[in-house]
Each structure stands twice: as structure tokens, then as C-alpha cells.
């Protein structure tokens, strides 16, 4: 049996009933945490964690990996959501399979370096022969645990939707390909490295019928559902004008509430919608940096958590965030709740819980998000002996002082980052190709 011992951690933030442990070890055996505690031994490899804080791997519940090719695009830098989308759609229409794969490699590597071991991805456009398979292949190369969602857009500009007609698909074809990717890639077993979700893009880019059919198909196949919801005031106004109700009611009517559903953003949920999500255990992917960048507002995360809504974090796409740093996202979530509700509204430890165990719960992973025997060995090791934490009285309050880049990262017991460097791909070569593709898109 392959064993790795992470030894002598300054602090283990377990996110389990064991709480915080000092001077403790973690024994990994065959991709699973075999033991947690002091004085553990092994005949296998040893990773010295003296001077480090060790956490569960962070969980990213909302991303658009393809957007890492379109960071800081002029014309979209200072726009609200709808204007930003109209600027970017024509560029994204030029993508093909290589753009999808390389941008996913870049985005996944960036997540890994920020401590992320499990990420979802929402891919809802498939130009020029692109398929969800392209991003799944990239995740396999990097070695992250991956929950890609088969997104879709079916209502183009000519039918009153927001996206150009060239980026929408026929709804029958969407459902057919959804069945294909679930049957080809979805793994429901504990420890799965790939699980598929179904994710029509948003209420303003797909029909009521597709939303309902996707929900029926997902439940028939036993997979989760994901979409954007209540992102900003424009989103609310569209729902009221076109559906005669708020987004929460629209979701409920179409079968889009429940523990197998999570919605991105939810910045503008009102009290009744928060209660609905709490009762139904509908999850939320909170994306604070993107919400700030697009001027969407501050999501009522404190109210959601107090009501019992499952909440995780998402970096969102790098065209609206411009970065994909998940530990930075956790810090931003903490700060925004303090801005909105007072300095005691969210602690560093609560925000880190949301970024780990909270995200795992949103994605339906009861085998991830904790450092405890029997959990998958998805582990982040943070060196708190450097300049970022120098002088910190409480290095376990990781979000207050840093660092923001992980030293070591393990996924299913496999080391994906070692000494701050990705081990599984030639990252400089990927970055070189990424920049070449971005230049081609500019031209």
C-alpha cells in the first residue's frame, strides 16, 4: 500500500469534529486519509510540515475555465453583466477545442496553486467543435478532482435572448449531448475524480422548457443541476418582465430547488427566496470578486448561512474576476460580509470552512472537505514561516495574513504541487501557448 506521512504540522485545521490540532500528522494510504494525530509513523514517503498550516483542499463551486483566455478585455472592463457579456460573446465564438483545453489547463493550474483540490466548471458554449471532453482531458492532466457541468444556451438574439445566434444550440441536441457526457464520464462512486452536472446557462439564455427538461434528465441520471441565478438588478428585472416572478419562484416552479441543485451568485435573493433555499437545501456558489468587478452587489451570505442555506465559494470566470485564486476569494468573502454587516459578521475561520467543507457539501461530496480518517486525501499545506505571516500571532487565521499560494497540494494522495510548483504539467510551456492563443484572439 502506498503511504505518505505529512509530519509535524504547526496546525491542522481539520474542519471536522476534531477541530484544530497542533504538532500533528496526517497519514495517507492509497488516496485516503488513514489517520490524523501526533506521533504517526510510516514506511513510506515523509513530507515535513514544520512551520506550516495544513487544511483540507479548497473547493471551487463555480468557474468558467475557458475565460482564462479573455482576462482584462477592453470594452468589458467597466461594464455591468449584460454589457460585459455582449462584449465577450463574439470573442468566445472564435474558440475551438485547443482554446478550451489550454485555457482549462491554465485555469486549473492557477486554482491548484491557490490550494484548490476540487473544482466545478460551467461550460455553456461549444463553438467550432468544442466539447466538454476538452476540459475533462485537461483536468486529468493536472490531476484535480473535477465536476464539469454540461451547460447550454438555446435562445439567441433573434428570439429575444442575450447571446448571438451563432452560440446557441438546438435544445434536442443539448439534451442528446448531455446524455452522452453523463454516460461517458460521470462516476457516482465515493472518491470519484469526475462527476458531471447539467447546467443550462441562465434564465435569460435558455427556454423554460429546457430548464424543466434538464431537471428531469438530471434526476433520471442521478446528477446535479447548476445555473446562474439572481446575479444583479438586470437579472431580477429580466425575470419579472419575462416570467412575471422573481428568480427563486421561477426556479422552484421548474424543479430547480433541492439538495441536488446549486445556483451561482444569488446576489439579489430576497428573504423569501433565502427561506426557500434553506427549506429545500438548495446550494449557492458565492463569487465575491466577480460580483465586485461587475458591480453586481454584495450577496447576503450572512443571512443565507444563518438561515441554513448551503454556501460554497466560486472564483467565477477569469473574464469577470481576472484571477482564479480561491484562497483570495475566501478572504474577499470574509471582508465583504464585514463591510455589509459589521466587523464580527464573518471570521477568517468561518470563511475558510465555507471554502472547504462548505463547498464540498454544496457539490454533494461527503468524502471531501475534511481532514479526518476515511476522507479522501485532498490536502493543502501552507508555509506560514515566510514574509506574509511574519509577526502573525495566529497563523491559523490564514485569511488575515496569508500566504495566498500553497506550498504543497495533494489530490487523492497524489502530489500536484510541490514547493510551490505544479508537478503534473510543464506549466511554463502551457502559459506560453496560452499567451499565443490570446494574441491570436486579439488579432
Protein backbone atom coordinates (compact mmCIF):
# COMPACT_ATOMS: atom_id res chain seq x y z
CA UNK A 1 0.00 0.00 0.00
CA UNK A 2 1.35 3.44 -0.98
CA UNK A 3 1.75 5.68 2.07
CA UNK A 4 2.67 9.33 2.62
CA UNK A 5 3.09 10.92 6.03
CA UNK A 6 2.62 14.68 6.39
CA UNK A 7 4.50 15.24 9.64
CA UNK A 8 4.79 17.84 12.40
CA UNK A 9 2.32 20.43 11.10
CA UNK A 10 2.23 23.56 13.18
CA UNK A 11 -1.57 23.50 12.97
CA UNK A 12 -4.08 21.18 11.32
CA UNK A 13 -7.37 22.94 10.56
CA UNK A 14 -9.36 19.74 10.18
CA UNK A 15 -12.86 21.19 9.52
CA UNK A 16 -14.07 18.10 11.36
CA UNK A 17 -15.22 17.43 14.89
CA UNK A 18 -11.54 17.19 15.89
CA UNK A 19 -11.18 20.94 15.42
CA UNK A 20 -7.65 22.41 15.36
CA UNK A 21 -4.63 20.23 16.22
CA UNK A 22 -1.09 21.40 16.95
CA UNK A 23 2.05 19.43 16.11
CA UNK A 24 0.02 16.70 14.45
CA UNK A 25 0.47 14.38 11.46
CA UNK A 26 -1.65 13.04 8.62
CA UNK A 27 -1.13 9.54 7.25
CA UNK A 28 -2.26 8.98 3.66
CA UNK A 29 -2.79 5.47 2.37
CA UNK A 30 -3.96 4.69 -1.19
CA UNK A 31 -5.53 8.09 -1.72
CA UNK A 32 -7.41 8.16 1.59
CA UNK A 33 -6.62 9.73 4.96
CA UNK A 34 -5.80 6.73 7.17
CA UNK A 35 -5.04 8.56 10.42
CA UNK A 36 -4.77 12.05 11.93
CA UNK A 37 -2.90 12.82 15.14
CA UNK A 38 0.51 13.15 16.81
CA UNK A 39 3.36 10.68 16.55
CA UNK A 40 2.25 8.79 13.45
CA UNK A 41 4.79 6.64 11.58
CA UNK A 42 5.16 5.19 8.10
CA UNK A 43 7.46 3.09 5.97
CA UNK A 44 6.53 5.31 3.01
CA UNK A 45 7.40 8.86 1.97
CA UNK A 46 7.53 11.68 4.53
CA UNK A 47 6.60 15.33 3.88
CA UNK A 48 7.90 17.63 6.61
CA UNK A 49 5.25 20.22 7.55
CA UNK A 50 7.03 22.02 10.40
CA UNK A 51 6.13 25.72 10.26
CA UNK A 52 3.06 25.00 8.13
CA UNK A 53 -0.70 25.21 8.48
CA UNK A 54 -2.47 22.26 6.85
CA UNK A 55 -6.07 22.44 5.63
CA UNK A 56 -8.39 20.33 3.55
CA UNK A 57 -8.05 21.16 -0.11
CA UNK A 58 -10.21 24.12 -1.07
CA UNK A 59 -13.36 23.52 -3.14
CA UNK A 60 -14.36 25.81 -6.02
CA UNK A 61 -18.09 25.62 -6.74
CA UNK A 62 -18.32 27.91 -9.80
CA UNK A 63 -15.93 28.61 -12.64
CA UNK A 64 -15.77 29.19 -16.39
CA UNK A 65 -12.30 27.87 -17.15
CA UNK A 66 -12.36 28.89 -20.81
CA UNK A 67 -12.45 32.55 -19.77
CA UNK A 68 -8.81 32.49 -18.64
CA UNK A 69 -8.03 33.37 -22.28
CA UNK A 70 -10.00 36.62 -22.02
CA UNK A 71 -8.77 38.45 -18.94
CA UNK A 72 -8.94 42.25 -18.83
CA UNK A 73 -10.54 42.61 -22.28
CA UNK A 74 -11.01 46.29 -23.26
CA UNK A 75 -14.67 47.21 -23.59
CA UNK A 76 -15.70 44.77 -20.91
CA UNK A 77 -13.57 46.01 -18.05
CA UNK A 78 -16.07 48.59 -16.80
CA UNK A 79 -19.42 47.10 -17.89
CA UNK A 80 -22.30 45.61 -15.97
CA UNK A 81 -23.20 41.95 -16.52
CA UNK A 82 -25.26 42.20 -19.71
CA UNK A 83 -22.93 44.70 -21.41
CA UNK A 84 -19.92 42.66 -20.39
CA UNK A 85 -21.44 39.51 -21.90
CA UNK A 86 -22.22 41.26 -25.20
CA UNK A 87 -18.60 42.38 -25.42
CA UNK A 88 -17.21 38.90 -24.80
CA UNK A 89 -19.63 36.66 -26.73
CA UNK A 90 -18.15 37.48 -30.20
CA UNK A 91 -14.63 36.68 -28.93
CA UNK A 92 -15.68 33.40 -27.35
CA UNK A 93 -17.33 32.44 -30.65
CA UNK A 94 -13.81 32.14 -32.12
CA UNK A 95 -12.77 29.41 -29.66
CA UNK A 96 -12.16 25.82 -30.64
CA UNK A 97 -11.04 22.61 -28.89
CA UNK A 98 -7.46 23.80 -28.36
CA UNK A 99 -8.59 27.06 -26.76
CA UNK A 100 -10.86 25.12 -24.42
CA UNK A 101 -8.14 22.66 -23.40
CA UNK A 102 -5.30 25.16 -22.93
CA UNK A 103 -7.42 27.70 -21.07
CA UNK A 104 -8.62 24.90 -18.78
CA UNK A 105 -5.03 23.79 -18.10
CA UNK A 106 -4.11 27.36 -17.19
CA UNK A 107 -7.16 27.90 -15.00
CA UNK A 108 -6.79 24.57 -13.22
CA UNK A 109 -3.10 25.16 -12.52
CA UNK A 110 -3.92 28.59 -11.08
CA UNK A 111 -6.54 27.02 -8.82
CA UNK A 112 -4.11 24.32 -7.68
CA UNK A 113 -1.51 26.91 -6.69
CA UNK A 114 -4.16 28.64 -4.57
CA UNK A 115 -4.91 25.45 -2.63
CA UNK A 116 -7.86 24.08 -4.63
CA UNK A 117 -8.23 20.31 -5.00
CA UNK A 118 -11.83 20.06 -6.27
CA UNK A 119 -13.45 22.38 -8.77
CA UNK A 120 -16.63 22.54 -10.76
CA UNK A 121 -16.72 24.18 -14.19
CA UNK A 122 -19.65 25.65 -16.08
CA UNK A 123 -19.07 25.36 -19.83
CA UNK A 124 -22.11 26.58 -21.73
CA UNK A 125 -20.82 27.35 -25.23
CA UNK A 126 -19.32 24.90 -27.71
CA UNK A 127 -18.11 26.73 -30.83
CA UNK A 128 -16.15 25.17 -33.68
CA UNK A 129 -16.26 21.58 -32.50
CA UNK A 130 -15.51 22.23 -28.82
CA UNK A 131 -16.83 19.66 -26.35
CA UNK A 132 -16.92 19.18 -22.61
CA UNK A 133 -14.42 16.39 -23.22
CA UNK A 134 -11.71 19.03 -23.85
CA UNK A 135 -11.84 20.34 -20.28
CA UNK A 136 -12.20 16.86 -18.77
CA UNK A 137 -8.97 15.88 -20.52
CA UNK A 138 -7.24 18.96 -19.08
CA UNK A 139 -8.35 18.12 -15.54
CA UNK A 140 -6.98 14.61 -15.99
CA UNK A 141 -3.59 16.06 -16.97
CA UNK A 142 -3.44 18.42 -13.98
CA UNK A 143 -4.83 15.87 -11.52
CA UNK A 144 -7.57 17.93 -9.85
CA UNK A 145 -10.87 16.42 -8.80
CA UNK A 146 -13.34 17.76 -11.37
CA UNK A 147 -17.08 18.43 -11.55
CA UNK A 148 -17.64 19.76 -15.08
CA UNK A 149 -21.18 20.77 -16.00
CA UNK A 150 -22.67 20.48 -19.44
CA UNK A 151 -24.05 23.98 -19.90
CA UNK A 152 -26.10 25.31 -22.78
CA UNK A 153 -27.64 28.36 -24.42
CA UNK A 154 -30.65 27.94 -26.68
CA UNK A 155 -32.25 31.39 -27.06
CA UNK A 156 -30.27 33.77 -29.26
CA UNK A 157 -30.72 37.46 -30.01
CA UNK A 158 -33.21 36.82 -32.79
CA UNK A 159 -35.52 35.09 -30.27
CA UNK A 160 -35.14 37.75 -27.58
CA UNK A 161 -32.18 36.22 -25.73
CA UNK A 162 -28.84 37.79 -24.91
CA UNK A 163 -26.27 35.59 -26.75
CA UNK A 164 -25.67 35.82 -30.51
CA UNK A 165 -27.43 33.19 -32.57
CA UNK A 166 -24.07 31.65 -33.55
CA UNK A 167 -23.50 30.48 -29.95
CA UNK A 168 -26.85 28.82 -29.26
CA UNK A 169 -27.75 25.18 -29.83
CA UNK A 170 -30.91 23.31 -30.65
CA UNK A 171 -32.48 22.01 -27.45
CA UNK A 172 -32.78 18.44 -28.70
CA UNK A 173 -29.04 18.43 -29.46
CA UNK A 174 -28.29 19.84 -25.99
CA UNK A 175 -30.20 17.07 -24.27
CA UNK A 176 -28.67 14.40 -26.52
CA UNK A 177 -25.12 15.55 -25.73
CA UNK A 178 -25.97 15.85 -22.04
CA UNK A 179 -26.88 12.15 -22.04
CA UNK A 180 -23.63 11.35 -23.88
CA UNK A 181 -21.33 13.12 -21.40
CA UNK A 182 -23.11 11.71 -18.34
CA UNK A 183 -22.96 8.19 -19.73
CA UNK A 184 -19.32 8.63 -20.78
CA UNK A 185 -17.77 10.37 -17.79
CA UNK A 186 -19.97 10.55 -14.66
CA UNK A 187 -18.68 8.49 -11.72
CA UNK A 188 -21.09 8.31 -8.75
CA UNK A 189 -18.78 6.24 -6.55
CA UNK A 190 -17.02 7.60 -3.43
CA UNK A 191 -13.63 9.02 -4.36
CA UNK A 192 -14.74 9.85 -7.90
CA UNK A 193 -12.36 12.11 -9.82
CA UNK A 194 -15.03 13.20 -12.33
CA UNK A 195 -18.72 13.88 -11.79
CA UNK A 196 -20.93 15.51 -14.39
CA UNK A 197 -23.68 18.08 -13.79
CA UNK A 198 -26.27 19.61 -16.12
CA UNK A 199 -26.23 23.39 -16.32
CA UNK A 200 -28.37 25.44 -18.72
CA UNK A 201 -26.60 28.78 -18.63
CA UNK A 202 -29.20 31.15 -17.22
CA UNK A 203 -32.89 32.04 -17.36
CA UNK A 204 -32.11 34.71 -19.99
CA UNK A 205 -30.38 32.34 -22.42
CA UNK A 206 -32.49 29.15 -22.36
CA UNK A 207 -36.19 28.36 -22.55
CA UNK A 208 -38.49 27.37 -19.74
CA UNK A 209 -38.87 24.00 -21.47
CA UNK A 210 -35.12 23.32 -21.48
CA UNK A 211 -34.85 24.22 -17.78
CA UNK A 212 -37.60 21.76 -16.96
CA UNK A 213 -36.28 19.02 -19.29
CA UNK A 214 -32.76 19.38 -17.86
CA UNK A 215 -34.11 18.94 -14.33
CA UNK A 216 -36.00 15.82 -15.33
CA UNK A 217 -32.97 14.39 -17.14
CA UNK A 218 -30.60 15.14 -14.25
CA UNK A 219 -32.82 13.33 -11.78
CA UNK A 220 -33.24 10.40 -14.10
CA UNK A 221 -29.46 10.15 -14.39
CA UNK A 222 -28.71 10.92 -10.75
CA UNK A 223 -26.57 14.01 -11.42
CA UNK A 224 -26.65 17.56 -10.03
CA UNK A 225 -28.06 20.76 -11.54
CA UNK A 226 -26.40 24.16 -11.80
CA UNK A 227 -27.15 27.58 -13.30
CA UNK A 228 -26.75 31.33 -12.73
CA UNK A 229 -29.48 32.98 -10.67
CA UNK A 230 -30.34 36.42 -9.30
CA UNK A 231 -26.92 37.80 -10.17
CA UNK A 232 -27.73 41.52 -10.36
CA UNK A 233 -30.57 44.01 -10.76
CA UNK A 234 -30.70 43.44 -14.53
CA UNK A 235 -31.24 39.74 -13.86
CA UNK A 236 -34.14 40.45 -11.48
CA UNK A 237 -35.72 42.91 -13.93
CA UNK A 238 -35.48 40.34 -16.76
CA UNK A 239 -37.18 37.70 -14.62
CA UNK A 240 -40.02 40.00 -13.60
CA UNK A 241 -40.56 41.24 -17.16
CA UNK A 242 -40.38 37.88 -18.91
CA UNK A 243 -41.62 35.38 -16.31
CA UNK A 244 -43.76 37.53 -14.06
CA UNK A 245 -41.96 36.36 -10.94
CA UNK A 246 -38.68 36.57 -9.08
CA UNK A 247 -35.85 34.13 -9.90
CA UNK A 248 -36.40 31.96 -6.83
CA UNK A 249 -40.02 31.35 -7.70
CA UNK A 250 -39.07 30.64 -11.32
CA UNK A 251 -36.50 28.08 -10.16
CA UNK A 252 -38.96 26.38 -7.81
CA UNK A 253 -41.68 26.11 -10.46
CA UNK A 254 -39.29 24.34 -12.86
CA UNK A 255 -37.87 21.85 -10.37
CA UNK A 256 -34.66 23.78 -9.73
CA UNK A 257 -34.59 23.57 -5.94
CA UNK A 258 -33.32 20.76 -3.74
CA UNK A 259 -30.11 19.28 -2.36
CA UNK A 260 -29.08 18.25 -5.89
CA UNK A 261 -29.17 21.88 -7.13
CA UNK A 262 -26.76 24.74 -6.65
CA UNK A 263 -27.05 28.24 -8.10
CA UNK A 264 -24.24 30.68 -8.84
CA UNK A 265 -24.19 34.23 -7.41
CA UNK A 266 -27.64 34.75 -5.82
CA UNK A 267 -26.59 38.33 -5.01
CA UNK A 268 -30.16 39.60 -5.12
CA UNK A 269 -32.07 36.84 -3.31
CA UNK A 270 -34.72 38.31 -1.01
CA UNK A 271 -35.82 36.93 2.35
CA UNK A 272 -38.48 34.61 0.95
CA UNK A 273 -36.02 33.13 -1.56
CA UNK A 274 -33.43 32.58 1.17
CA UNK A 275 -36.07 30.74 3.21
CA UNK A 276 -36.97 28.65 0.15
CA UNK A 277 -33.35 27.65 -0.41
CA UNK A 278 -32.90 26.83 3.28
CA UNK A 279 -36.02 24.62 3.40
CA UNK A 280 -35.10 22.80 0.21
CA UNK A 281 -31.34 22.62 0.94
CA UNK A 282 -30.60 24.33 -2.37
CA UNK A 283 -26.94 25.35 -2.57
CA UNK A 284 -25.33 28.66 -3.50
CA UNK A 285 -21.94 29.32 -5.12
CA UNK A 286 -20.85 32.70 -3.76
CA UNK A 287 -18.49 34.58 -6.12
CA UNK A 288 -17.46 37.75 -4.28
CA UNK A 289 -14.64 39.02 -6.54
CA UNK A 290 -16.67 38.70 -9.73
CA UNK A 291 -19.67 40.31 -8.04
CA UNK A 292 -17.44 43.26 -7.13
CA UNK A 293 -15.82 43.50 -10.56
CA UNK A 294 -19.19 43.60 -12.36
CA UNK A 295 -20.76 45.89 -9.76
CA UNK A 296 -23.44 43.31 -9.02
CA UNK A 297 -23.52 43.86 -5.27
CA UNK A 298 -22.78 42.00 -2.04
CA UNK A 299 -24.57 38.67 -1.70
CA UNK A 300 -26.44 38.17 1.60
CA UNK A 301 -24.17 35.33 2.69
CA UNK A 302 -24.56 36.05 6.40
CA UNK A 303 -28.33 35.84 6.10
CA UNK A 304 -28.08 32.69 3.96
CA UNK A 305 -25.85 30.88 6.42
CA UNK A 306 -27.90 31.95 9.41
CA UNK A 307 -31.00 30.56 7.67
CA UNK A 308 -29.26 27.27 6.86
CA UNK A 309 -28.59 27.66 3.13
CA UNK A 310 -25.59 25.57 1.99
CA UNK A 311 -22.96 28.03 0.72
CA UNK A 312 -19.66 27.42 -1.07
CA UNK A 313 -17.24 29.72 -2.87
CA UNK A 314 -16.57 30.21 -6.57
CA UNK A 315 -13.89 32.19 -8.34
CA UNK A 316 -16.18 32.55 -11.41
CA UNK A 317 -14.58 33.05 -14.81
CA UNK A 318 -11.35 34.95 -15.31
CA UNK A 319 -13.07 37.35 -17.70
CA UNK A 320 -15.10 38.76 -14.80
CA UNK A 321 -12.69 38.06 -11.93
CA UNK A 322 -9.42 38.29 -13.88
CA UNK A 323 -7.91 35.86 -11.36
CA UNK A 324 -8.62 32.35 -10.15
CA UNK A 325 -7.18 32.40 -6.64
CA UNK A 326 -9.53 30.54 -4.34
CA UNK A 327 -7.83 31.42 -1.05
CA UNK A 328 -8.06 35.07 -2.15
CA UNK A 329 -11.76 34.52 -2.86
CA UNK A 330 -12.26 33.29 0.71
CA UNK A 331 -10.62 36.43 2.08
CA UNK A 332 -12.82 38.60 -0.14
CA UNK A 333 -15.94 36.79 1.07
CA UNK A 334 -14.96 37.48 4.67
CA UNK A 335 -14.24 41.15 4.01
CA UNK A 336 -17.45 41.82 2.11
CA UNK A 337 -19.63 40.36 4.85
CA UNK A 338 -17.83 42.62 7.32
CA UNK A 339 -18.42 45.63 5.08
CA UNK A 340 -22.11 44.80 4.84
CA UNK A 341 -22.79 43.59 8.37
CA UNK A 342 -20.00 44.67 10.73
CA UNK A 343 -16.54 43.50 11.74
CA UNK A 344 -17.86 40.47 13.62
CA UNK A 345 -20.05 39.26 10.74
CA UNK A 346 -17.63 36.60 9.47
CA UNK A 347 -14.41 35.24 10.95
CA UNK A 348 -11.41 34.03 9.00
CA UNK A 349 -12.13 30.50 10.18
CA UNK A 350 -15.75 30.57 9.04
CA UNK A 351 -14.75 31.82 5.59
CA UNK A 352 -12.18 29.02 5.33
CA UNK A 353 -14.83 26.50 6.41
CA UNK A 354 -17.06 27.76 3.57
CA UNK A 355 -14.12 27.37 1.16
CA UNK A 356 -13.52 23.75 2.19
CA UNK A 357 -16.25 21.76 3.88
CA UNK A 358 -18.98 24.17 2.78
CA UNK A 359 -18.05 23.80 -0.88
CA UNK A 360 -17.84 20.02 -0.58
CA UNK A 361 -21.36 19.95 0.87
CA UNK A 362 -22.70 22.14 -1.94
CA UNK A 363 -21.23 19.76 -4.53
CA UNK A 364 -22.61 16.70 -2.76
CA UNK A 365 -19.20 15.38 -1.70
CA UNK A 366 -19.38 13.88 1.77
CA UNK A 367 -15.96 12.28 1.13
CA UNK A 368 -14.07 15.58 0.79
CA UNK A 369 -13.58 18.85 2.66
CA UNK A 370 -12.29 17.49 5.99
CA UNK A 371 -9.05 16.15 7.43
CA UNK A 372 -10.40 13.01 9.06
CA UNK A 373 -9.85 9.26 8.72
CA UNK A 374 -11.79 7.85 5.78
CA UNK A 375 -11.87 11.15 3.86
CA UNK A 376 -10.13 11.46 0.50
CA UNK A 377 -6.56 12.71 0.79
CA UNK A 378 -7.16 16.17 -0.69
CA UNK A 379 -4.79 18.30 1.39
CA UNK A 380 -3.25 21.77 1.20
CA UNK A 381 -0.01 22.64 3.04
CA UNK A 382 0.59 26.37 3.65
CA UNK A 383 4.04 27.60 4.71
CA UNK A 384 3.46 30.27 7.37
CA UNK A 385 7.16 30.85 8.03
CA UNK A 386 7.54 33.42 5.26
CA UNK A 387 7.10 37.18 4.96
CA UNK A 388 3.30 37.09 4.63
CA UNK A 389 2.84 35.64 8.11
CA UNK A 390 5.86 37.21 9.80
CA UNK A 391 4.62 38.67 13.08
CA UNK A 392 1.24 36.96 12.94
CA UNK A 393 0.04 35.89 16.38
CA UNK A 394 -2.45 33.42 14.87
CA UNK A 395 -1.18 31.82 11.66
CA UNK A 396 -4.22 29.52 11.71
CA UNK A 397 -6.26 32.62 10.81
CA UNK A 398 -4.86 32.04 7.36
CA UNK A 399 -7.06 34.58 5.56
CA UNK A 400 -5.89 37.50 7.68
CA UNK A 401 -2.18 37.38 6.86
CA UNK A 402 -1.60 34.74 4.20
CA UNK A 403 0.10 33.19 2.35
CA UNK A 404 -2.04 33.10 -0.78
CA UNK A 405 -0.03 30.42 -2.57
CA UNK A 406 0.14 26.85 -1.37
CA UNK A 407 3.44 25.09 -0.71
CA UNK A 408 2.24 21.53 -1.31
CA UNK A 409 -1.04 20.15 -2.62
CA UNK A 410 -2.27 16.56 -2.61
CA UNK A 411 -5.28 15.27 -4.54
CA UNK A 412 -6.32 11.68 -3.90
CA UNK A 413 -2.91 11.33 -2.24
CA UNK A 414 -1.06 12.41 -5.39
CA UNK A 415 1.21 15.45 -5.09
CA UNK A 416 0.05 18.02 -7.62
CA UNK A 417 2.05 20.96 -6.19
CA UNK A 418 5.47 20.59 -4.55
CA UNK A 419 7.38 23.56 -3.10
CA UNK A 420 5.05 25.98 -4.86
CA UNK A 421 5.42 24.39 -8.32
CA UNK A 422 2.90 22.33 -10.29
CA UNK A 423 4.34 18.83 -10.73
CA UNK A 424 1.97 17.29 -13.27
CA UNK A 425 2.38 19.51 -16.35
CA UNK A 426 5.01 21.74 -17.95
CA UNK A 427 3.35 24.96 -16.78
CA UNK A 428 5.73 27.45 -18.48
CA UNK A 429 5.03 25.75 -21.80
CA UNK A 430 1.26 25.89 -21.17
CA UNK A 431 1.49 29.60 -20.31
CA UNK A 432 3.46 30.25 -23.50
CA UNK A 433 0.77 28.55 -25.56
CA UNK A 434 -1.99 30.33 -23.63
CA UNK A 435 -0.48 33.72 -24.44
CA UNK A 436 -0.02 32.79 -28.11
CA UNK A 437 -3.71 31.82 -28.33
CA UNK A 438 -4.73 35.07 -26.60
CA UNK A 439 -2.70 37.08 -29.13
CA UNK A 440 -4.40 35.23 -31.96
CA UNK A 441 -7.81 36.08 -30.49
CA UNK A 442 -6.80 39.75 -30.24
CA UNK A 443 -5.73 39.76 -33.88
